[in-house]
């Protein structure tokens, strides 16, 4: 079981994440992709949870994003759904995407322990993926969000 990050229950951890994730991503800076100069902004709009009969927690996250390259901005939507039982949850650093002051993007990654465990929808196109992530630049907020997801993965 993951260390208890201070949540009284699964419901308390779920409520915390549903409340804090949209705020945390709204506080992120825009990120520039070093390779091609694309400037991106990702916003978590909602996160919902379910629970299987075995106690495994499922997650559905809905995001909006905009990407600007060569003066043209393209908006989009992304949804990812997965069971916490099927993913490794880790802190990550992405040096290929940087903040306006040149710091690498930071976040939480959900990487499949078996191929194709993330059901994703990009706009209106469904796909399977081996990972999904959330950019969370603030160290303290990212740490508590990571702890909450690890807690939910470990609680039965």
N, C-alpha and C. Protein backbone atom coordinates (compact mmCIF):
# COMPACT_ATOMS: atom_id res chain seq x y z
N UNK A 1 0.84 -1.17 0.00
CA UNK A 1 0.00 0.00 0.00
C UNK A 1 0.88 1.24 0.00
N UNK A 2 0.47 2.25 -0.75
CA UNK A 2 1.24 3.50 -0.80
C UNK A 2 1.15 4.21 0.55
N UNK A 3 2.18 5.02 0.85
CA UNK A 3 2.13 5.82 2.07
C UNK A 3 0.90 6.72 2.03
N UNK A 4 0.26 6.90 3.17
CA UNK A 4 -0.92 7.74 3.28
C UNK A 4 -0.50 9.21 3.22
N UNK A 5 -0.93 9.94 2.18
CA UNK A 5 -0.56 11.35 2.06
C UNK A 5 -1.46 12.28 2.87
N UNK A 6 -2.21 11.72 3.80
CA UNK A 6 -3.05 12.55 4.65
C UNK A 6 -4.52 12.55 4.29
N UNK A 7 -4.97 11.66 3.45
CA UNK A 7 -6.37 11.60 3.08
C UNK A 7 -7.09 10.63 4.01
N UNK A 8 -8.27 11.01 4.45
CA UNK A 8 -9.04 10.19 5.38
C UNK A 8 -9.67 8.99 4.69
N UNK A 9 -9.82 9.07 3.36
CA UNK A 9 -10.50 8.00 2.63
C UNK A 9 -10.21 8.12 1.13
N UNK A 10 -10.62 7.10 0.40
CA UNK A 10 -10.54 7.17 -1.07
C UNK A 10 -11.32 8.37 -1.57
N UNK A 11 -12.53 8.53 -1.05
CA UNK A 11 -13.39 9.63 -1.51
C UNK A 11 -12.70 10.98 -1.28
N UNK A 12 -12.03 11.14 -0.16
CA UNK A 12 -11.34 12.41 0.12
C UNK A 12 -10.22 12.65 -0.90
N UNK A 13 -9.47 11.61 -1.26
CA UNK A 13 -8.41 11.74 -2.26
C UNK A 13 -9.00 12.06 -3.63
N UNK A 14 -10.10 11.38 -3.98
CA UNK A 14 -10.75 11.64 -5.27
C UNK A 14 -11.28 13.07 -5.34
N UNK A 15 -11.93 13.51 -4.27
CA UNK A 15 -12.46 14.88 -4.24
C UNK A 15 -11.33 15.91 -4.35
N UNK A 16 -10.22 15.64 -3.65
CA UNK A 16 -9.06 16.53 -3.73
C UNK A 16 -8.57 16.65 -5.18
N UNK A 17 -8.38 15.52 -5.83
CA UNK A 17 -7.88 15.53 -7.21
C UNK A 17 -8.86 16.21 -8.16
N UNK A 18 -10.15 15.93 -8.01
CA UNK A 18 -11.16 16.55 -8.88
C UNK A 18 -11.16 18.06 -8.73
N UNK A 19 -10.89 18.54 -7.52
CA UNK A 19 -10.87 19.98 -7.26
C UNK A 19 -9.56 20.62 -7.69
N UNK A 20 -8.44 19.99 -7.35
CA UNK A 20 -7.13 20.62 -7.52
C UNK A 20 -6.55 20.50 -8.94
N UNK A 21 -6.79 19.40 -9.63
CA UNK A 21 -6.16 19.23 -10.96
C UNK A 21 -6.51 20.35 -11.94
N UNK A 22 -7.77 20.75 -12.09
CA UNK A 22 -8.03 21.87 -13.01
C UNK A 22 -7.32 23.15 -12.58
N UNK A 23 -7.28 23.44 -11.29
CA UNK A 23 -6.60 24.64 -10.80
C UNK A 23 -5.09 24.56 -11.05
N UNK A 24 -4.53 23.39 -10.80
CA UNK A 24 -3.08 23.21 -10.95
C UNK A 24 -2.64 23.37 -12.40
N UNK A 25 -3.39 22.79 -13.33
CA UNK A 25 -2.99 22.93 -14.73
C UNK A 25 -3.23 24.35 -15.24
N UNK A 26 -4.24 25.03 -14.71
CA UNK A 26 -4.48 26.43 -15.10
C UNK A 26 -3.33 27.32 -14.64
N UNK A 27 -2.63 26.93 -13.56
CA UNK A 27 -1.50 27.71 -13.05
C UNK A 27 -0.20 27.44 -13.80
N UNK A 28 -0.18 26.41 -14.65
CA UNK A 28 1.03 26.10 -15.41
C UNK A 28 1.34 27.20 -16.42
N UNK A 29 2.61 27.35 -16.75
CA UNK A 29 2.96 28.26 -17.85
C UNK A 29 2.68 27.57 -19.19
N UNK A 30 2.82 28.31 -20.26
CA UNK A 30 2.83 27.67 -21.57
C UNK A 30 4.17 26.97 -21.72
N UNK A 31 4.20 25.92 -22.49
CA UNK A 31 5.44 25.18 -22.73
C UNK A 31 5.82 25.30 -24.20
N UNK A 32 7.13 25.45 -24.44
CA UNK A 32 7.65 25.49 -25.81
C UNK A 32 8.40 24.20 -26.07
N UNK A 33 8.05 23.54 -27.18
CA UNK A 33 8.76 22.33 -27.59
C UNK A 33 10.07 22.76 -28.25
N UNK A 34 11.18 22.32 -27.67
CA UNK A 34 12.50 22.74 -28.13
C UNK A 34 12.72 22.35 -29.59
N UNK A 35 12.29 21.16 -29.97
CA UNK A 35 12.56 20.63 -31.31
C UNK A 35 11.98 21.49 -32.43
N UNK A 36 10.73 21.97 -32.25
CA UNK A 36 10.11 22.68 -33.38
C UNK A 36 9.50 24.05 -33.02
N UNK A 37 9.62 24.47 -31.76
CA UNK A 37 9.14 25.78 -31.36
C UNK A 37 7.66 25.88 -31.08
N UNK A 38 6.92 24.78 -31.15
CA UNK A 38 5.49 24.80 -30.86
C UNK A 38 5.27 25.23 -29.40
N UNK A 39 4.32 26.14 -29.20
CA UNK A 39 3.96 26.57 -27.86
C UNK A 39 2.61 25.93 -27.52
N UNK A 40 2.58 25.23 -26.38
CA UNK A 40 1.38 24.48 -26.00
C UNK A 40 0.88 24.89 -24.63
N UNK A 41 -0.43 24.76 -24.48
CA UNK A 41 -1.08 24.97 -23.18
C UNK A 41 -2.10 23.86 -23.02
N UNK A 42 -1.99 23.10 -21.92
CA UNK A 42 -2.88 21.98 -21.62
C UNK A 42 -3.63 22.28 -20.34
N UNK A 43 -4.94 22.14 -20.38
CA UNK A 43 -5.78 22.41 -19.21
C UNK A 43 -6.65 21.18 -18.90
N UNK A 44 -6.54 20.68 -17.69
CA UNK A 44 -7.43 19.61 -17.25
C UNK A 44 -8.78 20.24 -16.94
N UNK A 45 -9.80 19.79 -17.61
CA UNK A 45 -11.15 20.32 -17.39
C UNK A 45 -11.88 19.53 -16.32
N UNK A 46 -11.68 18.21 -16.30
CA UNK A 46 -12.34 17.40 -15.28
C UNK A 46 -11.60 16.09 -15.11
N UNK A 47 -11.74 15.52 -13.92
CA UNK A 47 -11.26 14.17 -13.64
C UNK A 47 -12.37 13.48 -12.87
N UNK A 48 -12.72 12.28 -13.33
CA UNK A 48 -13.78 11.48 -12.69
C UNK A 48 -13.20 10.13 -12.29
N UNK A 49 -13.79 9.53 -11.29
CA UNK A 49 -13.31 8.26 -10.77
C UNK A 49 -14.43 7.24 -10.72
N UNK A 50 -14.04 5.98 -10.87
CA UNK A 50 -14.94 4.86 -10.69
C UNK A 50 -14.21 3.82 -9.87
N UNK A 51 -14.92 2.77 -9.51
CA UNK A 51 -14.29 1.72 -8.72
C UNK A 51 -14.86 0.37 -9.13
N UNK A 52 -13.97 -0.59 -9.39
CA UNK A 52 -14.40 -1.94 -9.76
C UNK A 52 -14.80 -2.72 -8.51
N UNK A 53 -15.40 -3.87 -8.73
CA UNK A 53 -15.79 -4.73 -7.61
C UNK A 53 -14.58 -5.13 -6.77
N UNK A 54 -13.40 -5.22 -7.39
CA UNK A 54 -12.19 -5.59 -6.66
C UNK A 54 -11.57 -4.41 -5.90
N UNK A 55 -12.12 -3.21 -6.10
CA UNK A 55 -11.60 -2.03 -5.42
C UNK A 55 -10.65 -1.21 -6.24
N UNK A 56 -10.32 -1.64 -7.47
CA UNK A 56 -9.42 -0.87 -8.33
C UNK A 56 -10.11 0.43 -8.76
N UNK A 57 -9.36 1.51 -8.73
CA UNK A 57 -9.89 2.83 -9.09
C UNK A 57 -9.62 3.11 -10.56
N UNK A 58 -10.67 3.53 -11.28
CA UNK A 58 -10.50 3.95 -12.67
C UNK A 58 -10.56 5.47 -12.73
N UNK A 59 -9.89 6.02 -13.74
CA UNK A 59 -9.76 7.47 -13.89
C UNK A 59 -10.16 7.85 -15.31
N UNK A 60 -10.92 8.92 -15.45
CA UNK A 60 -11.20 9.52 -16.75
C UNK A 60 -10.89 11.01 -16.63
N UNK A 61 -9.94 11.47 -17.44
CA UNK A 61 -9.55 12.88 -17.44
C UNK A 61 -9.90 13.51 -18.78
N UNK A 62 -10.48 14.69 -18.73
CA UNK A 62 -10.78 15.45 -19.93
C UNK A 62 -9.94 16.72 -19.93
N UNK A 63 -9.30 16.97 -21.08
CA UNK A 63 -8.42 18.13 -21.22
C UNK A 63 -8.76 18.91 -22.48
N UNK A 64 -8.42 20.17 -22.44
CA UNK A 64 -8.39 20.97 -23.66
C UNK A 64 -6.95 21.43 -23.84
N UNK A 65 -6.60 21.74 -25.08
CA UNK A 65 -5.25 22.23 -25.33
C UNK A 65 -5.27 23.18 -26.51
N UNK A 66 -4.22 23.98 -26.57
CA UNK A 66 -3.97 24.80 -27.75
C UNK A 66 -2.48 24.67 -28.07
N UNK A 67 -2.20 24.63 -29.36
CA UNK A 67 -0.82 24.57 -29.83
C UNK A 67 -0.63 25.65 -30.89
N UNK A 68 0.42 26.46 -30.68
CA UNK A 68 0.69 27.55 -31.61
C UNK A 68 2.05 27.32 -32.26
N UNK A 69 2.04 27.35 -33.59
CA UNK A 69 3.28 27.21 -34.35
C UNK A 69 3.19 28.12 -35.56
N UNK A 70 4.25 28.89 -35.79
CA UNK A 70 4.32 29.82 -36.92
C UNK A 70 3.11 30.75 -36.94
N UNK A 71 2.67 31.20 -35.76
CA UNK A 71 1.58 32.16 -35.67
C UNK A 71 0.19 31.58 -35.79
N UNK A 72 0.08 30.28 -36.01
CA UNK A 72 -1.24 29.64 -36.15
C UNK A 72 -1.54 28.82 -34.90
N UNK A 73 -2.68 29.08 -34.27
CA UNK A 73 -3.09 28.36 -33.07
C UNK A 73 -4.16 27.34 -33.42
N UNK A 74 -3.94 26.12 -32.93
CA UNK A 74 -4.88 25.03 -33.13
C UNK A 74 -5.38 24.55 -31.78
N UNK A 75 -6.70 24.61 -31.54
CA UNK A 75 -7.24 24.08 -30.29
C UNK A 75 -7.58 22.60 -30.44
N UNK A 76 -7.74 21.93 -29.31
CA UNK A 76 -8.13 20.53 -29.37
C UNK A 76 -8.62 20.03 -28.03
N UNK A 77 -9.10 18.79 -28.04
CA UNK A 77 -9.55 18.14 -26.82
C UNK A 77 -8.90 16.77 -26.73
N UNK A 78 -8.74 16.31 -25.51
CA UNK A 78 -8.14 15.00 -25.24
C UNK A 78 -8.84 14.40 -24.03
N UNK A 79 -9.14 13.11 -24.12
CA UNK A 79 -9.68 12.39 -22.97
C UNK A 79 -8.87 11.12 -22.81
N UNK A 80 -8.55 10.78 -21.58
CA UNK A 80 -7.81 9.55 -21.29
C UNK A 80 -8.54 8.81 -20.18
N UNK A 81 -8.70 7.49 -20.34
CA UNK A 81 -9.35 6.67 -19.33
C UNK A 81 -8.48 5.43 -19.09
N UNK A 82 -8.32 5.08 -17.81
CA UNK A 82 -7.47 3.95 -17.45
C UNK A 82 -7.76 3.53 -16.02
N UNK A 83 -7.33 2.33 -15.69
CA UNK A 83 -7.41 1.85 -14.31
C UNK A 83 -6.07 2.09 -13.65
N UNK A 84 -6.08 2.60 -12.43
CA UNK A 84 -4.82 2.79 -11.71
C UNK A 84 -4.11 1.47 -11.47
N UNK A 85 -4.85 0.37 -11.45
CA UNK A 85 -4.25 -0.96 -11.27
C UNK A 85 -3.35 -1.33 -12.44
N UNK A 86 -3.55 -0.71 -13.60
CA UNK A 86 -2.82 -1.08 -14.82
C UNK A 86 -1.65 -0.17 -15.16
N UNK A 87 -1.39 0.85 -14.33
CA UNK A 87 -0.34 1.81 -14.66
C UNK A 87 0.66 1.98 -13.52
N UNK A 88 1.89 2.32 -13.92
CA UNK A 88 2.89 2.80 -12.97
C UNK A 88 2.73 4.31 -12.95
N UNK A 89 2.76 4.90 -11.77
CA UNK A 89 2.53 6.34 -11.60
C UNK A 89 3.82 6.95 -11.07
N UNK A 90 4.37 7.91 -11.83
CA UNK A 90 5.66 8.48 -11.46
C UNK A 90 5.73 9.97 -11.75
N UNK A 91 6.61 10.65 -11.04
CA UNK A 91 6.99 12.02 -11.32
C UNK A 91 7.85 11.98 -12.60
N UNK A 92 7.71 12.97 -13.47
CA UNK A 92 8.58 12.98 -14.64
C UNK A 92 9.05 14.39 -14.97
N UNK A 93 10.15 14.43 -15.71
CA UNK A 93 10.72 15.66 -16.25
C UNK A 93 10.85 15.48 -17.75
N UNK A 94 10.38 16.47 -18.52
CA UNK A 94 10.48 16.42 -19.98
C UNK A 94 11.34 17.59 -20.45
N UNK A 95 12.66 17.36 -20.66
CA UNK A 95 13.54 18.45 -21.06
C UNK A 95 13.26 18.99 -22.47
N UNK A 96 12.50 18.26 -23.28
CA UNK A 96 12.18 18.71 -24.63
C UNK A 96 11.08 19.75 -24.67
N UNK A 97 10.38 19.95 -23.56
CA UNK A 97 9.35 20.99 -23.43
C UNK A 97 9.78 21.89 -22.28
N UNK A 98 9.86 23.19 -22.54
CA UNK A 98 10.39 24.10 -21.53
C UNK A 98 9.43 25.25 -21.24
N UNK A 99 9.57 25.79 -20.04
CA UNK A 99 8.80 26.97 -19.61
C UNK A 99 9.40 28.20 -20.28
N UNK A 100 8.73 29.34 -20.17
CA UNK A 100 9.29 30.57 -20.74
C UNK A 100 10.68 30.92 -20.20
N UNK A 101 11.00 30.49 -18.96
CA UNK A 101 12.34 30.77 -18.44
C UNK A 101 13.31 29.61 -18.65
N UNK A 102 12.94 28.64 -19.51
CA UNK A 102 13.85 27.58 -19.90
C UNK A 102 13.90 26.34 -19.01
N UNK A 103 13.05 26.28 -17.99
CA UNK A 103 13.03 25.10 -17.13
C UNK A 103 12.26 23.98 -17.81
N UNK A 104 12.70 22.71 -17.63
CA UNK A 104 12.00 21.60 -18.25
C UNK A 104 10.61 21.42 -17.66
N UNK A 105 9.71 20.94 -18.49
CA UNK A 105 8.35 20.61 -18.05
C UNK A 105 8.42 19.51 -17.00
N UNK A 106 7.56 19.62 -15.99
CA UNK A 106 7.46 18.62 -14.93
C UNK A 106 6.03 18.12 -14.89
N UNK A 107 5.84 16.89 -14.38
CA UNK A 107 4.49 16.37 -14.30
C UNK A 107 4.40 15.01 -13.67
N UNK A 108 3.25 14.40 -13.85
CA UNK A 108 2.96 13.05 -13.39
C UNK A 108 2.63 12.23 -14.62
N UNK A 109 3.26 11.06 -14.73
CA UNK A 109 3.03 10.18 -15.87
C UNK A 109 2.37 8.89 -15.39
N UNK A 110 1.47 8.38 -16.21
CA UNK A 110 0.77 7.13 -15.98
C UNK A 110 1.18 6.20 -17.13
N UNK A 111 2.11 5.28 -16.86
CA UNK A 111 2.67 4.41 -17.91
C UNK A 111 2.10 3.00 -17.75
N UNK A 112 1.60 2.45 -18.85
CA UNK A 112 0.97 1.13 -18.82
C UNK A 112 1.95 0.05 -18.39
N UNK A 113 1.47 -0.84 -17.55
CA UNK A 113 2.23 -2.03 -17.17
C UNK A 113 1.96 -3.16 -18.15
N UNK A 114 0.95 -2.98 -19.01
CA UNK A 114 0.69 -3.86 -20.14
C UNK A 114 0.26 -2.97 -21.31
N UNK A 115 0.64 -3.30 -22.52
CA UNK A 115 0.40 -2.40 -23.66
C UNK A 115 -1.08 -2.04 -23.85
N UNK A 116 -1.28 -0.76 -24.21
CA UNK A 116 -2.60 -0.30 -24.61
C UNK A 116 -3.61 -0.13 -23.50
N UNK A 117 -3.17 0.12 -22.29
CA UNK A 117 -4.12 0.19 -21.16
C UNK A 117 -4.83 1.53 -21.05
N UNK A 118 -4.40 2.53 -21.80
CA UNK A 118 -5.03 3.84 -21.76
C UNK A 118 -5.94 3.99 -22.98
N UNK A 119 -7.23 4.18 -22.74
CA UNK A 119 -8.17 4.48 -23.82
C UNK A 119 -8.18 6.00 -23.98
N UNK A 120 -7.82 6.47 -25.15
CA UNK A 120 -7.71 7.91 -25.39
C UNK A 120 -8.63 8.34 -26.52
N UNK A 121 -9.07 9.58 -26.45
CA UNK A 121 -9.84 10.17 -27.54
C UNK A 121 -9.23 11.54 -27.81
N UNK A 122 -8.75 11.74 -29.03
CA UNK A 122 -8.19 13.01 -29.48
C UNK A 122 -9.23 13.65 -30.39
N UNK A 123 -9.88 14.72 -29.93
CA UNK A 123 -10.98 15.30 -30.71
C UNK A 123 -12.10 14.29 -30.75
N UNK A 124 -12.33 13.70 -31.91
CA UNK A 124 -13.34 12.64 -32.02
C UNK A 124 -12.74 11.31 -32.45
N UNK A 125 -11.40 11.18 -32.38
CA UNK A 125 -10.72 9.96 -32.81
C UNK A 125 -10.24 9.16 -31.62
N UNK A 126 -10.77 7.95 -31.50
CA UNK A 126 -10.39 7.06 -30.40
C UNK A 126 -9.07 6.36 -30.73
N UNK A 127 -8.29 6.11 -29.68
CA UNK A 127 -7.04 5.38 -29.85
C UNK A 127 -6.68 4.70 -28.53
N UNK A 128 -5.72 3.82 -28.58
CA UNK A 128 -5.16 3.19 -27.38
C UNK A 128 -3.75 3.74 -27.23
N UNK A 129 -3.31 3.89 -26.01
CA UNK A 129 -1.96 4.42 -25.77
C UNK A 129 -1.32 3.65 -24.62
N UNK A 130 -0.01 3.76 -24.53
CA UNK A 130 0.74 3.10 -23.46
C UNK A 130 1.06 4.04 -22.30
N UNK A 131 0.60 5.29 -22.41
CA UNK A 131 0.84 6.25 -21.33
C UNK A 131 -0.01 7.49 -21.56
N UNK A 132 -0.14 8.23 -20.47
CA UNK A 132 -0.69 9.57 -20.53
C UNK A 132 -0.05 10.35 -19.39
N UNK A 133 -0.11 11.66 -19.44
CA UNK A 133 0.54 12.44 -18.39
C UNK A 133 -0.22 13.73 -18.13
N UNK A 134 0.18 14.38 -17.06
CA UNK A 134 -0.35 15.69 -16.69
C UNK A 134 0.85 16.58 -16.39
N UNK A 135 0.93 17.72 -17.05
CA UNK A 135 1.98 18.68 -16.72
C UNK A 135 1.57 19.44 -15.47
N UNK A 136 2.50 19.47 -14.49
CA UNK A 136 2.26 20.15 -13.21
C UNK A 136 3.57 20.78 -12.77
N UNK A 137 3.74 22.04 -13.07
CA UNK A 137 5.04 22.68 -12.86
C UNK A 137 5.34 22.95 -11.39
N UNK A 138 4.34 23.23 -10.57
CA UNK A 138 4.56 23.55 -9.16
C UNK A 138 4.96 22.29 -8.39
N UNK A 139 6.16 22.31 -7.79
CA UNK A 139 6.70 21.12 -7.12
C UNK A 139 5.81 20.62 -5.98
N UNK A 140 5.34 21.50 -5.12
CA UNK A 140 4.54 21.08 -3.96
C UNK A 140 3.20 20.50 -4.40
N UNK A 141 2.54 21.17 -5.34
CA UNK A 141 1.25 20.69 -5.83
C UNK A 141 1.43 19.35 -6.54
N UNK A 142 2.46 19.25 -7.40
CA UNK A 142 2.72 17.99 -8.11
C UNK A 142 2.97 16.86 -7.12
N UNK A 143 3.73 17.13 -6.06
CA UNK A 143 4.01 16.10 -5.07
C UNK A 143 2.76 15.58 -4.39
N UNK A 144 1.84 16.47 -4.04
CA UNK A 144 0.61 16.03 -3.36
C UNK A 144 -0.31 15.31 -4.34
N UNK A 145 -0.38 15.78 -5.59
CA UNK A 145 -1.20 15.10 -6.60
C UNK A 145 -0.65 13.71 -6.86
N UNK A 146 0.66 13.58 -7.00
CA UNK A 146 1.29 12.27 -7.19
C UNK A 146 0.97 11.36 -6.00
N UNK A 147 1.11 11.89 -4.79
CA UNK A 147 0.82 11.10 -3.59
C UNK A 147 -0.64 10.65 -3.55
N UNK A 148 -1.56 11.51 -3.98
CA UNK A 148 -2.98 11.14 -3.99
C UNK A 148 -3.24 10.01 -4.98
N UNK A 149 -2.67 10.08 -6.18
CA UNK A 149 -2.85 8.99 -7.14
C UNK A 149 -2.21 7.69 -6.62
N UNK A 150 -1.03 7.77 -6.05
CA UNK A 150 -0.39 6.57 -5.51
C UNK A 150 -1.21 5.98 -4.36
N UNK A 151 -1.77 6.84 -3.53
CA UNK A 151 -2.65 6.40 -2.44
C UNK A 151 -3.85 5.64 -3.01
N UNK A 152 -4.50 6.21 -4.03
CA UNK A 152 -5.67 5.57 -4.64
C UNK A 152 -5.30 4.24 -5.30
N UNK A 153 -4.12 4.16 -5.88
CA UNK A 153 -3.67 2.90 -6.48
C UNK A 153 -3.48 1.82 -5.41
N UNK A 154 -2.97 2.23 -4.25
CA UNK A 154 -2.63 1.26 -3.21
C UNK A 154 -3.73 0.90 -2.26
N UNK A 155 -4.78 1.70 -2.18
CA UNK A 155 -5.86 1.44 -1.22
C UNK A 155 -6.83 0.43 -1.83
N UNK A 156 -7.16 -0.58 -1.05
CA UNK A 156 -8.14 -1.59 -1.50
C UNK A 156 -9.37 -1.51 -0.66
